[in-house]
Structure formats: C-alpha cells, structure tokens
C-alpha cells in the first residue's frame, strides 16, 4: 500500500495523471486488448503478449504485479521511472515504441513493445532496477540505433557489449558511454577538418 505520509509517491502519481490529462501520455482501456500469453516477469511487473483488437496488432503489455488499487511506493516509483525513460527513447525510428498506459479493473499497465529491460529484472526475484540497469538499456538503444549502419566501428560494438554485460558489476558506469561517444565524435570531427 502507498504510505500516505510519503510525499514522493503522491507527487509521482500526480505527475502521471497530469501527463495523461495534458495528452503527453496516452491512456487506453483494458477492454481494447486480448491477452494471448505471458512473456516474462520482473521485479515489479509481468509482461504479456496481447492483441490490440481495434488494430489487429500484437503488442507487449507490462502490468504491475501488485493488482491492488493502491500501489506500494517502490512499484509506483519504478513504474513512473520506466514511463519517463520510454517516453524519451521512443522517438527514434530504430527504437521500439512506447504507446501509453492502460487502466482497467484494479491494474495499471505499460503498453508498448518493450525489449530493453535489464535481464536481472527477470533473472533475480525482487531485483530493484538501478543505474546499472539504465546502462544496460542504454547499450541496447545504442545498438538498435547503429544496427542499420554498415561498418560500425569495432570500438562501438565493444562499448555496446560492455553496457549489456549480463553481470551488472562488469557494466560501465552511467557516464562512461556518453564520454566515449563525445570523445569519438570530437576525434571524428577533428579528423575531417584536418583532411
């Protein structure tokens, strides 16, 4: 249950309600979907394959395990964090789209085609996502963006692999990929200017 004395949880929920109200996050009715099968489970959610009836299209639904009307503080924070991240990265054509959230009955769900979640969310019961989880997702995003590009430099492929290590302790810290890309771009620009 949400701790009513906690100011963080209501603020997070208010943020989500405001985003829906202002049209920045789409909200869908649960009845628009037919659940086909469960794909996997994570620390706070269950991912299911479903058919979006109106469009006859398969989508992935991520629903919170806590099916009570009120969510515990950790689940709500993680849910909002994931929505914010998905909204930021869904604008690139090579990244799987976040379509919105779904409300129905006593459940809240993320809706979209998700595939960039840290494997620890599925492998470790009770795993709490952290900075290393974000690094994993960032590595997947970088790979998806560069995948259609021919002759991706080996140093970039190594960067993606280091971000996506199954062992979180072997992943880069959050600043290393960004620094690497910025340095590579500077070197590339300087090489172009000098030629």
N, C-alpha and C. Protein backbone atom coordinates (compact mmCIF):
# COMPACT_ATOMS: atom_id res chain seq x y z
N UNK A 1 0.83 -1.19 0.00
CA UNK A 1 0.00 0.00 0.00
C UNK A 1 0.87 1.25 0.00
N UNK A 2 0.37 2.32 -0.55
CA UNK A 2 1.07 3.59 -0.53
C UNK A 2 1.06 4.14 0.89
N UNK A 3 2.21 4.59 1.32
CA UNK A 3 2.31 5.23 2.62
C UNK A 3 1.78 6.65 2.47
N UNK A 4 0.68 6.95 3.11
CA UNK A 4 0.04 8.25 2.95
C UNK A 4 0.90 9.39 3.47
N UNK A 5 1.89 9.08 4.33
CA UNK A 5 2.77 10.12 4.86
C UNK A 5 3.91 10.44 3.90
N UNK A 6 4.06 9.65 2.86
CA UNK A 6 5.13 9.87 1.90
C UNK A 6 4.69 10.88 0.85
N UNK A 7 5.47 11.95 0.70
CA UNK A 7 5.10 12.97 -0.29
C UNK A 7 5.56 12.58 -1.69
N UNK A 8 6.56 11.68 -1.80
CA UNK A 8 7.11 11.33 -3.11
C UNK A 8 6.12 10.55 -3.95
N UNK A 9 5.43 9.60 -3.36
CA UNK A 9 4.52 8.75 -4.13
C UNK A 9 3.35 9.54 -4.70
N UNK A 10 2.62 10.31 -3.89
CA UNK A 10 1.53 11.08 -4.49
C UNK A 10 2.02 12.03 -5.57
N UNK A 11 3.21 12.62 -5.42
CA UNK A 11 3.74 13.51 -6.45
C UNK A 11 3.98 12.74 -7.75
N UNK A 12 4.51 11.53 -7.65
CA UNK A 12 4.74 10.72 -8.84
C UNK A 12 3.41 10.40 -9.52
N UNK A 13 2.43 10.00 -8.72
CA UNK A 13 1.13 9.67 -9.27
C UNK A 13 0.48 10.90 -9.88
N UNK A 14 0.61 12.05 -9.21
CA UNK A 14 0.07 13.30 -9.75
C UNK A 14 0.73 13.63 -11.08
N UNK A 15 2.05 13.40 -11.19
CA UNK A 15 2.76 13.66 -12.44
C UNK A 15 2.13 12.83 -13.56
N UNK A 16 1.91 11.53 -13.30
CA UNK A 16 1.34 10.66 -14.32
C UNK A 16 -0.06 11.12 -14.71
N UNK A 17 -0.89 11.43 -13.75
CA UNK A 17 -2.25 11.90 -14.04
C UNK A 17 -2.22 13.19 -14.86
N UNK A 18 -1.29 14.07 -14.54
CA UNK A 18 -1.15 15.34 -15.28
C UNK A 18 -0.69 15.08 -16.72
N UNK A 19 0.23 14.14 -16.90
CA UNK A 19 0.71 13.79 -18.24
C UNK A 19 -0.42 13.21 -19.09
N UNK A 20 -1.26 12.38 -18.49
CA UNK A 20 -2.41 11.81 -19.20
C UNK A 20 -3.40 12.92 -19.54
N UNK A 21 -3.71 13.75 -18.57
CA UNK A 21 -4.68 14.83 -18.75
C UNK A 21 -4.26 15.78 -19.87
N UNK A 22 -2.97 16.08 -19.97
CA UNK A 22 -2.46 17.00 -20.97
C UNK A 22 -2.09 16.32 -22.29
N UNK A 23 -2.36 15.03 -22.42
CA UNK A 23 -2.14 14.33 -23.68
C UNK A 23 -0.70 13.97 -23.96
N UNK A 24 0.18 14.05 -22.97
CA UNK A 24 1.58 13.70 -23.19
C UNK A 24 1.83 12.20 -22.98
N UNK A 25 0.92 11.53 -22.28
CA UNK A 25 0.94 10.08 -22.15
C UNK A 25 -0.45 9.59 -22.52
N UNK A 26 -0.51 8.66 -23.46
CA UNK A 26 -1.80 8.10 -23.87
C UNK A 26 -2.31 7.13 -22.82
N UNK A 27 -3.62 7.08 -22.66
CA UNK A 27 -4.26 6.15 -21.74
C UNK A 27 -5.27 5.32 -22.52
N UNK A 28 -5.22 4.00 -22.34
CA UNK A 28 -6.08 3.09 -23.08
C UNK A 28 -6.91 2.26 -22.11
N UNK A 29 -8.05 1.78 -22.59
CA UNK A 29 -8.92 0.93 -21.79
C UNK A 29 -8.50 -0.52 -21.92
N UNK A 30 -8.48 -1.21 -20.82
CA UNK A 30 -8.08 -2.62 -20.78
C UNK A 30 -8.89 -3.49 -21.74
N UNK A 31 -10.15 -3.14 -21.95
CA UNK A 31 -11.03 -3.94 -22.81
C UNK A 31 -10.64 -3.91 -24.28
N UNK A 32 -9.71 -3.03 -24.67
CA UNK A 32 -9.27 -2.95 -26.06
C UNK A 32 -8.29 -4.06 -26.42
N UNK A 33 -7.89 -4.89 -25.43
CA UNK A 33 -6.83 -5.87 -25.64
C UNK A 33 -7.28 -7.27 -25.24
N UNK A 34 -6.74 -8.26 -25.96
CA UNK A 34 -6.92 -9.66 -25.60
C UNK A 34 -5.56 -10.21 -25.22
N UNK A 35 -5.43 -10.68 -23.99
CA UNK A 35 -4.16 -11.25 -23.53
C UNK A 35 -3.98 -12.61 -24.19
N UNK A 36 -2.83 -12.81 -24.84
CA UNK A 36 -2.55 -14.07 -25.52
C UNK A 36 -1.70 -15.01 -24.67
N UNK A 37 -0.63 -14.47 -24.08
CA UNK A 37 0.22 -15.31 -23.23
C UNK A 37 1.16 -14.43 -22.41
N UNK A 38 1.68 -15.00 -21.34
CA UNK A 38 2.68 -14.31 -20.52
C UNK A 38 4.05 -14.50 -21.16
N UNK A 39 4.81 -13.41 -21.25
CA UNK A 39 6.14 -13.46 -21.85
C UNK A 39 7.20 -13.60 -20.77
N UNK A 40 7.04 -12.88 -19.66
CA UNK A 40 8.02 -12.93 -18.59
C UNK A 40 7.60 -12.09 -17.41
N UNK A 41 8.38 -12.19 -16.34
CA UNK A 41 8.10 -11.38 -15.15
C UNK A 41 9.38 -10.71 -14.69
N UNK A 42 9.23 -9.59 -14.04
CA UNK A 42 10.36 -8.86 -13.50
C UNK A 42 10.12 -8.57 -12.03
N UNK A 43 10.90 -7.64 -11.50
CA UNK A 43 10.81 -7.31 -10.09
C UNK A 43 9.45 -6.80 -9.68
N UNK A 44 8.81 -6.01 -10.53
CA UNK A 44 7.51 -5.45 -10.15
C UNK A 44 6.46 -5.61 -11.23
N UNK A 45 6.80 -6.25 -12.34
CA UNK A 45 5.83 -6.33 -13.43
C UNK A 45 5.80 -7.67 -14.13
N UNK A 46 4.72 -7.89 -14.85
CA UNK A 46 4.53 -9.08 -15.67
C UNK A 46 4.33 -8.60 -17.10
N UNK A 47 5.10 -9.15 -18.04
CA UNK A 47 4.99 -8.76 -19.44
C UNK A 47 4.17 -9.83 -20.16
N UNK A 48 3.15 -9.37 -20.89
CA UNK A 48 2.26 -10.28 -21.60
C UNK A 48 2.17 -9.88 -23.07
N UNK A 49 2.03 -10.88 -23.92
CA UNK A 49 1.75 -10.65 -25.34
C UNK A 49 0.23 -10.51 -25.45
N UNK A 50 -0.21 -9.47 -26.16
CA UNK A 50 -1.65 -9.23 -26.30
C UNK A 50 -1.96 -8.78 -27.72
N UNK A 51 -3.23 -8.89 -28.08
CA UNK A 51 -3.67 -8.36 -29.37
C UNK A 51 -4.48 -7.10 -29.11
N UNK A 52 -4.11 -6.04 -29.81
CA UNK A 52 -4.87 -4.78 -29.75
C UNK A 52 -6.01 -4.97 -30.73
N UNK A 53 -7.20 -5.18 -30.22
CA UNK A 53 -8.35 -5.59 -31.03
C UNK A 53 -8.64 -4.65 -32.19
N UNK A 54 -8.66 -3.36 -31.94
CA UNK A 54 -9.02 -2.38 -32.96
C UNK A 54 -8.09 -2.43 -34.16
N UNK A 55 -6.78 -2.61 -33.91
CA UNK A 55 -5.79 -2.57 -34.98
C UNK A 55 -5.32 -3.96 -35.40
N UNK A 56 -5.83 -5.01 -34.73
CA UNK A 56 -5.40 -6.38 -35.02
C UNK A 56 -3.88 -6.46 -35.04
N UNK A 57 -3.28 -5.93 -33.98
CA UNK A 57 -1.82 -5.84 -33.90
C UNK A 57 -1.35 -6.40 -32.56
N UNK A 58 -0.27 -7.16 -32.59
CA UNK A 58 0.28 -7.69 -31.34
C UNK A 58 1.12 -6.62 -30.66
N UNK A 59 0.95 -6.53 -29.35
CA UNK A 59 1.72 -5.59 -28.53
C UNK A 59 2.16 -6.31 -27.26
N UNK A 60 3.11 -5.71 -26.57
CA UNK A 60 3.51 -6.21 -25.25
C UNK A 60 2.89 -5.31 -24.20
N UNK A 61 2.31 -5.92 -23.19
CA UNK A 61 1.74 -5.19 -22.07
C UNK A 61 2.57 -5.52 -20.84
N UNK A 62 2.95 -4.50 -20.10
CA UNK A 62 3.64 -4.74 -18.84
C UNK A 62 2.71 -4.28 -17.74
N UNK A 63 2.27 -5.23 -16.92
CA UNK A 63 1.35 -4.86 -15.85
C UNK A 63 2.05 -5.05 -14.51
N UNK A 64 1.68 -4.22 -13.58
CA UNK A 64 2.26 -4.30 -12.25
C UNK A 64 1.76 -5.55 -11.54
N UNK A 65 2.66 -6.23 -10.83
CA UNK A 65 2.28 -7.43 -10.08
C UNK A 65 1.27 -7.09 -9.00
N UNK A 66 1.45 -5.94 -8.39
CA UNK A 66 0.55 -5.53 -7.32
C UNK A 66 -0.77 -5.14 -7.94
N UNK A 67 -1.78 -6.00 -7.86
CA UNK A 67 -3.06 -5.73 -8.51
C UNK A 67 -4.02 -4.97 -7.62
N UNK A 68 -3.56 -4.51 -6.47
CA UNK A 68 -4.43 -3.74 -5.59
C UNK A 68 -4.58 -2.33 -6.16
N UNK A 69 -5.69 -1.67 -5.83
CA UNK A 69 -5.91 -0.33 -6.36
C UNK A 69 -4.80 0.64 -6.00
N UNK A 70 -4.22 0.48 -4.82
CA UNK A 70 -3.13 1.36 -4.42
C UNK A 70 -1.82 0.60 -4.54
N UNK A 71 -0.83 1.24 -5.09
CA UNK A 71 0.46 0.61 -5.32
C UNK A 71 1.41 0.90 -4.18
N UNK A 72 2.35 -0.03 -3.94
CA UNK A 72 3.36 0.27 -2.95
C UNK A 72 4.31 1.30 -3.53
N UNK A 73 5.03 1.98 -2.66
CA UNK A 73 5.87 3.10 -3.06
C UNK A 73 6.92 2.72 -4.09
N UNK A 74 7.62 1.60 -3.88
CA UNK A 74 8.67 1.18 -4.79
C UNK A 74 8.12 0.87 -6.18
N UNK A 75 7.02 0.13 -6.25
CA UNK A 75 6.43 -0.22 -7.55
C UNK A 75 6.03 1.03 -8.32
N UNK A 76 5.42 1.97 -7.64
CA UNK A 76 4.98 3.19 -8.31
C UNK A 76 6.17 4.00 -8.82
N UNK A 77 7.21 4.12 -8.01
CA UNK A 77 8.40 4.88 -8.44
C UNK A 77 9.04 4.22 -9.67
N UNK A 78 9.17 2.89 -9.65
CA UNK A 78 9.76 2.18 -10.78
C UNK A 78 8.89 2.30 -12.02
N UNK A 79 7.59 2.22 -11.84
CA UNK A 79 6.63 2.35 -12.93
C UNK A 79 6.77 3.72 -13.60
N UNK A 80 6.80 4.78 -12.81
CA UNK A 80 6.94 6.14 -13.33
C UNK A 80 8.31 6.32 -13.99
N UNK A 81 9.34 5.77 -13.38
CA UNK A 81 10.70 5.87 -13.94
C UNK A 81 10.75 5.23 -15.33
N UNK A 82 10.11 4.08 -15.46
CA UNK A 82 10.11 3.39 -16.75
C UNK A 82 9.31 4.17 -17.79
N UNK A 83 8.19 4.74 -17.40
CA UNK A 83 7.40 5.57 -18.33
C UNK A 83 8.24 6.74 -18.82
N UNK A 84 8.91 7.42 -17.91
CA UNK A 84 9.74 8.58 -18.30
C UNK A 84 10.84 8.17 -19.26
N UNK A 85 11.51 7.06 -18.98
CA UNK A 85 12.58 6.59 -19.85
C UNK A 85 12.03 6.20 -21.22
N UNK A 86 10.95 5.44 -21.25
CA UNK A 86 10.38 5.02 -22.53
C UNK A 86 9.91 6.20 -23.37
N UNK A 87 9.36 7.22 -22.73
CA UNK A 87 8.93 8.41 -23.48
C UNK A 87 10.11 9.10 -24.14
N UNK A 88 11.26 9.12 -23.47
CA UNK A 88 12.44 9.80 -24.02
C UNK A 88 13.02 9.04 -25.21
N UNK A 89 13.03 7.72 -25.15
CA UNK A 89 13.73 6.95 -26.18
C UNK A 89 12.84 6.48 -27.31
N UNK A 90 11.54 6.65 -27.21
CA UNK A 90 10.62 6.14 -28.23
C UNK A 90 10.55 7.00 -29.48
N UNK A 91 11.29 8.08 -29.54
CA UNK A 91 11.21 8.97 -30.70
C UNK A 91 12.11 8.52 -31.85
N UNK A 92 13.05 7.63 -31.61
CA UNK A 92 13.97 7.19 -32.66
C UNK A 92 13.33 6.06 -33.46
N UNK A 93 13.47 6.07 -34.80
CA UNK A 93 12.83 5.04 -35.63
C UNK A 93 13.33 3.63 -35.39
N UNK A 94 14.53 3.47 -34.82
CA UNK A 94 15.06 2.13 -34.57
C UNK A 94 14.80 1.64 -33.15
N UNK A 95 14.01 2.38 -32.39
CA UNK A 95 13.71 2.01 -31.01
C UNK A 95 12.24 1.61 -30.92
N UNK A 96 11.98 0.52 -30.22
CA UNK A 96 10.62 0.04 -30.04
C UNK A 96 9.80 1.12 -29.34
N UNK A 97 8.59 1.34 -29.81
CA UNK A 97 7.76 2.46 -29.36
C UNK A 97 7.04 2.19 -28.05
N UNK A 98 6.96 3.23 -27.21
CA UNK A 98 6.09 3.25 -26.03
C UNK A 98 4.79 3.89 -26.47
N UNK A 99 3.68 3.17 -26.33
CA UNK A 99 2.41 3.67 -26.84
C UNK A 99 1.57 4.37 -25.78
N UNK A 100 1.73 4.02 -24.53
CA UNK A 100 0.96 4.66 -23.47
C UNK A 100 0.74 3.72 -22.31
N UNK A 101 -0.20 4.09 -21.44
CA UNK A 101 -0.53 3.23 -20.31
C UNK A 101 -1.97 2.79 -20.43
N UNK A 102 -2.29 1.76 -19.68
CA UNK A 102 -3.63 1.21 -19.74
C UNK A 102 -4.16 1.09 -18.33
N UNK A 103 -5.41 1.47 -18.16
CA UNK A 103 -6.07 1.30 -16.87
C UNK A 103 -7.31 0.46 -17.08
N UNK A 104 -7.56 -0.42 -16.15
CA UNK A 104 -8.76 -1.23 -16.24
C UNK A 104 -8.86 -2.13 -15.03
N UNK A 105 -10.01 -2.24 -14.46
CA UNK A 105 -10.15 -3.03 -13.24
C UNK A 105 -9.28 -2.44 -12.16
N UNK A 106 -8.49 -3.27 -11.53
CA UNK A 106 -7.61 -2.80 -10.46
C UNK A 106 -6.15 -2.79 -10.88
N UNK A 107 -5.88 -2.76 -12.18
CA UNK A 107 -4.50 -2.84 -12.62
C UNK A 107 -4.10 -1.62 -13.42
N UNK A 108 -2.82 -1.33 -13.42
CA UNK A 108 -2.22 -0.32 -14.29
C UNK A 108 -1.17 -1.04 -15.11
N UNK A 109 -1.04 -0.71 -16.37
CA UNK A 109 -0.08 -1.39 -17.23
C UNK A 109 0.61 -0.40 -18.14
N UNK A 110 1.87 -0.70 -18.45
CA UNK A 110 2.56 0.00 -19.53
C UNK A 110 2.17 -0.74 -20.79
N UNK A 111 2.02 -0.04 -21.89
CA UNK A 111 1.67 -0.70 -23.13
C UNK A 111 2.67 -0.29 -24.18
N UNK A 112 3.14 -1.24 -24.93
CA UNK A 112 4.09 -0.97 -25.99
C UNK A 112 4.80 -2.25 -26.35
N UNK A 113 5.87 -2.13 -27.11
CA UNK A 113 6.67 -3.29 -27.45
C UNK A 113 8.01 -3.09 -26.78
N UNK A 114 8.19 -3.74 -25.64
CA UNK A 114 9.38 -3.49 -24.83
C UNK A 114 10.39 -4.61 -25.02
N UNK A 115 11.65 -4.25 -25.02
CA UNK A 115 12.67 -5.26 -25.16
C UNK A 115 14.01 -4.84 -24.59
N UNK A 116 14.05 -3.73 -23.90
CA UNK A 116 15.34 -3.21 -23.47
C UNK A 116 15.55 -3.28 -21.97
N UNK A 117 14.88 -4.21 -21.31
CA UNK A 117 14.94 -4.29 -19.86
C UNK A 117 16.13 -5.14 -19.42
N UNK A 118 16.81 -4.69 -18.38
CA UNK A 118 17.92 -5.41 -17.78
C UNK A 118 17.49 -6.85 -17.48
N UNK A 119 18.24 -7.86 -17.96
CA UNK A 119 17.86 -9.25 -17.71
C UNK A 119 17.75 -9.59 -16.23
N UNK A 120 18.45 -8.83 -15.38
CA UNK A 120 18.37 -9.09 -13.95
C UNK A 120 16.94 -8.93 -13.43
N UNK A 121 16.15 -8.10 -14.11
CA UNK A 121 14.75 -7.92 -13.71
C UNK A 121 13.98 -9.23 -13.83
N UNK A 122 14.39 -10.08 -14.76
CA UNK A 122 13.71 -11.35 -14.98
C UNK A 122 14.41 -12.51 -14.27
N UNK A 123 15.73 -12.39 -14.07
CA UNK A 123 16.51 -13.49 -13.51
C UNK A 123 16.57 -13.48 -11.99
N UNK A 124 16.46 -12.32 -11.38
CA UNK A 124 16.64 -12.19 -9.94
C UNK A 124 15.34 -11.76 -9.28
N UNK A 125 14.71 -12.65 -8.52
CA UNK A 125 13.47 -12.26 -7.83
C UNK A 125 13.70 -11.07 -6.90
N UNK A 126 12.83 -10.09 -6.97
CA UNK A 126 12.93 -8.92 -6.11
C UNK A 126 13.98 -7.91 -6.53
N UNK A 127 14.59 -8.11 -7.71
CA UNK A 127 15.63 -7.19 -8.18
C UNK A 127 15.07 -5.78 -8.31
N UNK A 128 15.83 -4.80 -7.84
CA UNK A 128 15.43 -3.40 -7.94
C UNK A 128 16.31 -2.74 -8.99
N UNK A 129 15.69 -2.17 -10.02
CA UNK A 129 16.45 -1.52 -11.09
C UNK A 129 17.26 -0.37 -10.52
N UNK A 130 18.42 -0.14 -11.14
CA UNK A 130 19.32 0.90 -10.66
C UNK A 130 20.08 1.50 -11.84
N UNK A 131 21.14 2.22 -11.56
CA UNK A 131 21.93 2.87 -12.61
C UNK A 131 22.48 1.84 -13.60
N UNK A 132 22.93 0.69 -13.11
CA UNK A 132 23.47 -0.35 -14.00
C UNK A 132 22.38 -0.90 -14.93
N UNK A 133 21.13 -0.90 -14.46
CA UNK A 133 20.01 -1.31 -15.32
C UNK A 133 19.84 -0.31 -16.45
N UNK A 134 19.98 0.97 -16.13
CA UNK A 134 19.87 2.02 -17.15
C UNK A 134 21.00 1.90 -18.17
N UNK A 135 22.21 1.56 -17.69
CA UNK A 135 23.35 1.38 -18.61
C UNK A 135 23.05 0.24 -19.58
N UNK A 136 22.49 -0.85 -19.08
CA UNK A 136 22.12 -1.97 -19.95
C UNK A 136 21.16 -1.49 -21.04
N UNK A 137 20.10 -0.81 -20.63
CA UNK A 137 19.09 -0.33 -21.59
C UNK A 137 19.71 0.64 -22.59
N UNK A 138 20.59 1.50 -22.11
CA UNK A 138 21.27 2.46 -22.97
C UNK A 138 22.11 1.74 -24.03
N UNK A 139 22.80 0.67 -23.62
CA UNK A 139 23.59 -0.11 -24.57
C UNK A 139 22.73 -0.74 -25.65
N UNK A 140 21.55 -1.24 -25.27
CA UNK A 140 20.63 -1.82 -26.25
C UNK A 140 20.16 -0.74 -27.23
N UNK A 141 19.85 0.43 -26.70
CA UNK A 141 19.39 1.54 -27.54
C UNK A 141 20.48 1.95 -28.53
N UNK A 142 21.71 2.07 -28.06
CA UNK A 142 22.82 2.43 -28.95
C UNK A 142 22.97 1.39 -30.06
N UNK A 143 22.86 0.12 -29.69
CA UNK A 143 22.97 -0.95 -30.69
C UNK A 143 21.85 -0.85 -31.71
N UNK A 144 20.62 -0.65 -31.26
CA UNK A 144 19.47 -0.55 -32.16
C UNK A 144 19.62 0.63 -33.12
N UNK A 145 20.13 1.74 -32.62
CA UNK A 145 20.31 2.93 -33.46
C UNK A 145 21.36 2.68 -34.54
N UNK A 146 22.44 1.99 -34.18
CA UNK A 146 23.54 1.80 -35.13
C UNK A 146 23.39 0.55 -35.98
N UNK A 147 22.48 -0.35 -35.64
CA UNK A 147 22.34 -1.62 -36.34
C UNK A 147 22.20 -1.48 -37.85
N UNK A 148 21.38 -0.54 -38.36
CA UNK A 148 21.25 -0.45 -39.81
C UNK A 148 22.47 0.16 -40.50
N UNK A 149 23.41 0.68 -39.73
CA UNK A 149 24.59 1.32 -40.30
C UNK A 149 25.63 0.27 -40.68
N UNK A 150 26.17 0.39 -41.89
CA UNK A 150 27.21 -0.53 -42.33
C UNK A 150 28.53 -0.13 -41.69
N UNK A 151 29.37 -1.13 -41.46
CA UNK A 151 30.73 -0.92 -40.96
C UNK A 151 30.78 -0.12 -39.65
N UNK A 152 29.97 -0.52 -38.68
CA UNK A 152 30.04 0.11 -37.36
C UNK A 152 31.42 -0.18 -36.79
N UNK A 153 32.15 0.85 -36.34
CA UNK A 153 33.49 0.62 -35.80
C UNK A 153 33.46 -0.38 -34.63
N UNK A 154 34.47 -1.23 -34.58
CA UNK A 154 34.57 -2.25 -33.55
C UNK A 154 34.53 -1.65 -32.15
N UNK A 155 35.13 -0.46 -31.98
CA UNK A 155 35.14 0.15 -30.64
C UNK A 155 33.72 0.46 -30.15
N UNK A 156 32.80 0.75 -31.07
CA UNK A 156 31.41 0.99 -30.67
C UNK A 156 30.72 -0.32 -30.30
N UNK A 157 31.00 -1.37 -31.06
CA UNK A 157 30.41 -2.67 -30.74
C UNK A 157 30.88 -3.13 -29.36
N UNK A 158 32.16 -2.91 -29.07
CA UNK A 158 32.69 -3.26 -27.74
C UNK A 158 32.01 -2.44 -26.65
N UNK A 159 31.74 -1.17 -26.93
CA UNK A 159 31.03 -0.31 -25.98
C UNK A 159 29.66 -0.89 -25.67
N UNK A 160 28.91 -1.26 -26.71
CA UNK A 160 27.57 -1.81 -26.52
C UNK A 160 27.63 -3.09 -25.68
N UNK A 161 28.61 -3.95 -25.98
CA UNK A 161 28.74 -5.20 -25.24
C UNK A 161 29.04 -4.95 -23.77
N UNK A 162 29.90 -3.96 -23.50
CA UNK A 162 30.24 -3.66 -22.11
C UNK A 162 29.05 -3.08 -21.36
N UNK A 163 28.20 -2.35 -22.05
CA UNK A 163 26.98 -1.82 -21.41
C UNK A 163 26.00 -2.95 -21.11
N UNK A 164 26.00 -3.98 -21.96
CA UNK A 164 24.99 -5.03 -21.87
C UNK A 164 25.47 -6.30 -21.19
N UNK A 165 26.57 -6.24 -20.47
CA UNK A 165 27.06 -7.43 -19.77
C UNK A 165 25.96 -7.99 -18.87
N UNK A 166 25.81 -9.32 -18.87
CA UNK A 166 24.81 -9.95 -18.02
C UNK A 166 25.12 -9.68 -16.55
N UNK A 167 26.40 -9.60 -16.22
CA UNK A 167 26.82 -9.29 -14.85
C UNK A 167 26.85 -7.77 -14.67
N UNK A 168 25.94 -7.20 -13.87
CA UNK A 168 25.88 -5.75 -13.70
C UNK A 168 27.20 -5.13 -13.23
N UNK A 169 27.99 -5.89 -12.44
CA UNK A 169 29.25 -5.34 -11.93
C UNK A 169 30.28 -5.12 -13.04
N UNK A 170 30.09 -5.78 -14.19
CA UNK A 170 31.02 -5.62 -15.31
C UNK A 170 30.59 -4.53 -16.28
N UNK A 171 29.42 -3.95 -16.05
CA UNK A 171 28.93 -2.88 -16.93
C UNK A 171 29.65 -1.57 -16.62
N UNK A 172 29.66 -0.70 -17.62
CA UNK A 172 30.24 0.63 -17.44
C UNK A 172 29.39 1.43 -16.46
N UNK A 173 29.97 2.50 -15.90
CA UNK A 173 29.11 3.39 -15.12
C UNK A 173 28.38 4.30 -16.09
N UNK A 174 27.39 5.00 -15.63
CA UNK A 174 26.47 5.74 -16.49
C UNK A 174 27.16 6.82 -17.34
N UNK A 175 28.26 7.38 -16.86
CA UNK A 175 28.94 8.46 -17.59
C UNK A 175 29.89 7.96 -18.68
N UNK A 176 30.39 6.74 -18.55
CA UNK A 176 31.39 6.24 -19.50
C UNK A 176 30.90 6.15 -20.94
N UNK A 177 29.72 5.61 -21.22
CA UNK A 177 29.29 5.55 -22.63
C UNK A 177 29.15 6.94 -23.25
N UNK A 178 28.58 7.87 -22.50
CA UNK A 178 28.41 9.23 -23.00
C UNK A 178 29.76 9.87 -23.30
N UNK A 179 30.70 9.74 -22.37
CA UNK A 179 32.04 10.30 -22.55
C UNK A 179 32.72 9.68 -23.77
N UNK A 180 32.60 8.36 -23.92
CA UNK A 180 33.20 7.66 -25.05
C UNK A 180 32.66 8.19 -26.37
N UNK A 181 31.35 8.34 -26.46
CA UNK A 181 30.72 8.82 -27.70
C UNK A 181 31.13 10.26 -27.99
N UNK A 182 31.13 11.11 -26.97
CA UNK A 182 31.55 12.50 -27.17
C UNK A 182 32.99 12.58 -27.65
N UNK A 183 33.88 11.81 -27.04
CA UNK A 183 35.29 11.80 -27.45
C UNK A 183 35.44 11.29 -28.88
N UNK A 184 34.71 10.24 -29.22
CA UNK A 184 34.78 9.68 -30.57
C UNK A 184 34.29 10.68 -31.61
N UNK A 185 33.24 11.40 -31.29
CA UNK A 185 32.72 12.42 -32.20
C UNK A 185 33.72 13.56 -32.38
N UNK A 186 34.36 13.97 -31.29
CA UNK A 186 35.37 15.04 -31.40
C UNK A 186 36.54 14.60 -32.27
N UNK A 187 37.00 13.36 -32.07
CA UNK A 187 38.10 12.85 -32.88
C UNK A 187 37.70 12.77 -34.35
N UNK A 188 36.47 12.34 -34.61
CA UNK A 188 35.97 12.23 -35.97
C UNK A 188 35.87 13.60 -36.63
N UNK A 189 35.37 14.58 -35.90
CA UNK A 189 35.24 15.95 -36.43
C UNK A 189 36.62 16.53 -36.71
N UNK A 190 37.56 16.35 -35.78
CA UNK A 190 38.91 16.87 -35.97
C UNK A 190 39.60 16.20 -37.15
N UNK A 191 39.40 14.89 -37.32
CA UNK A 191 40.00 14.17 -38.45
C UNK A 191 39.44 14.69 -39.77
N UNK A 192 38.14 14.99 -39.80
CA UNK A 192 37.50 15.51 -41.01
C UNK A 192 38.04 16.90 -41.33
N UNK A 193 38.21 17.72 -40.33
CA UNK A 193 38.72 19.08 -40.54
C UNK A 193 40.15 19.07 -41.05
N UNK A 194 40.95 18.12 -40.58
CA UNK A 194 42.36 18.06 -40.95
C UNK A 194 42.61 17.37 -42.29
N UNK A 195 41.57 16.79 -42.89
CA UNK A 195 41.81 16.09 -44.16
C UNK A 195 41.56 16.97 -45.35
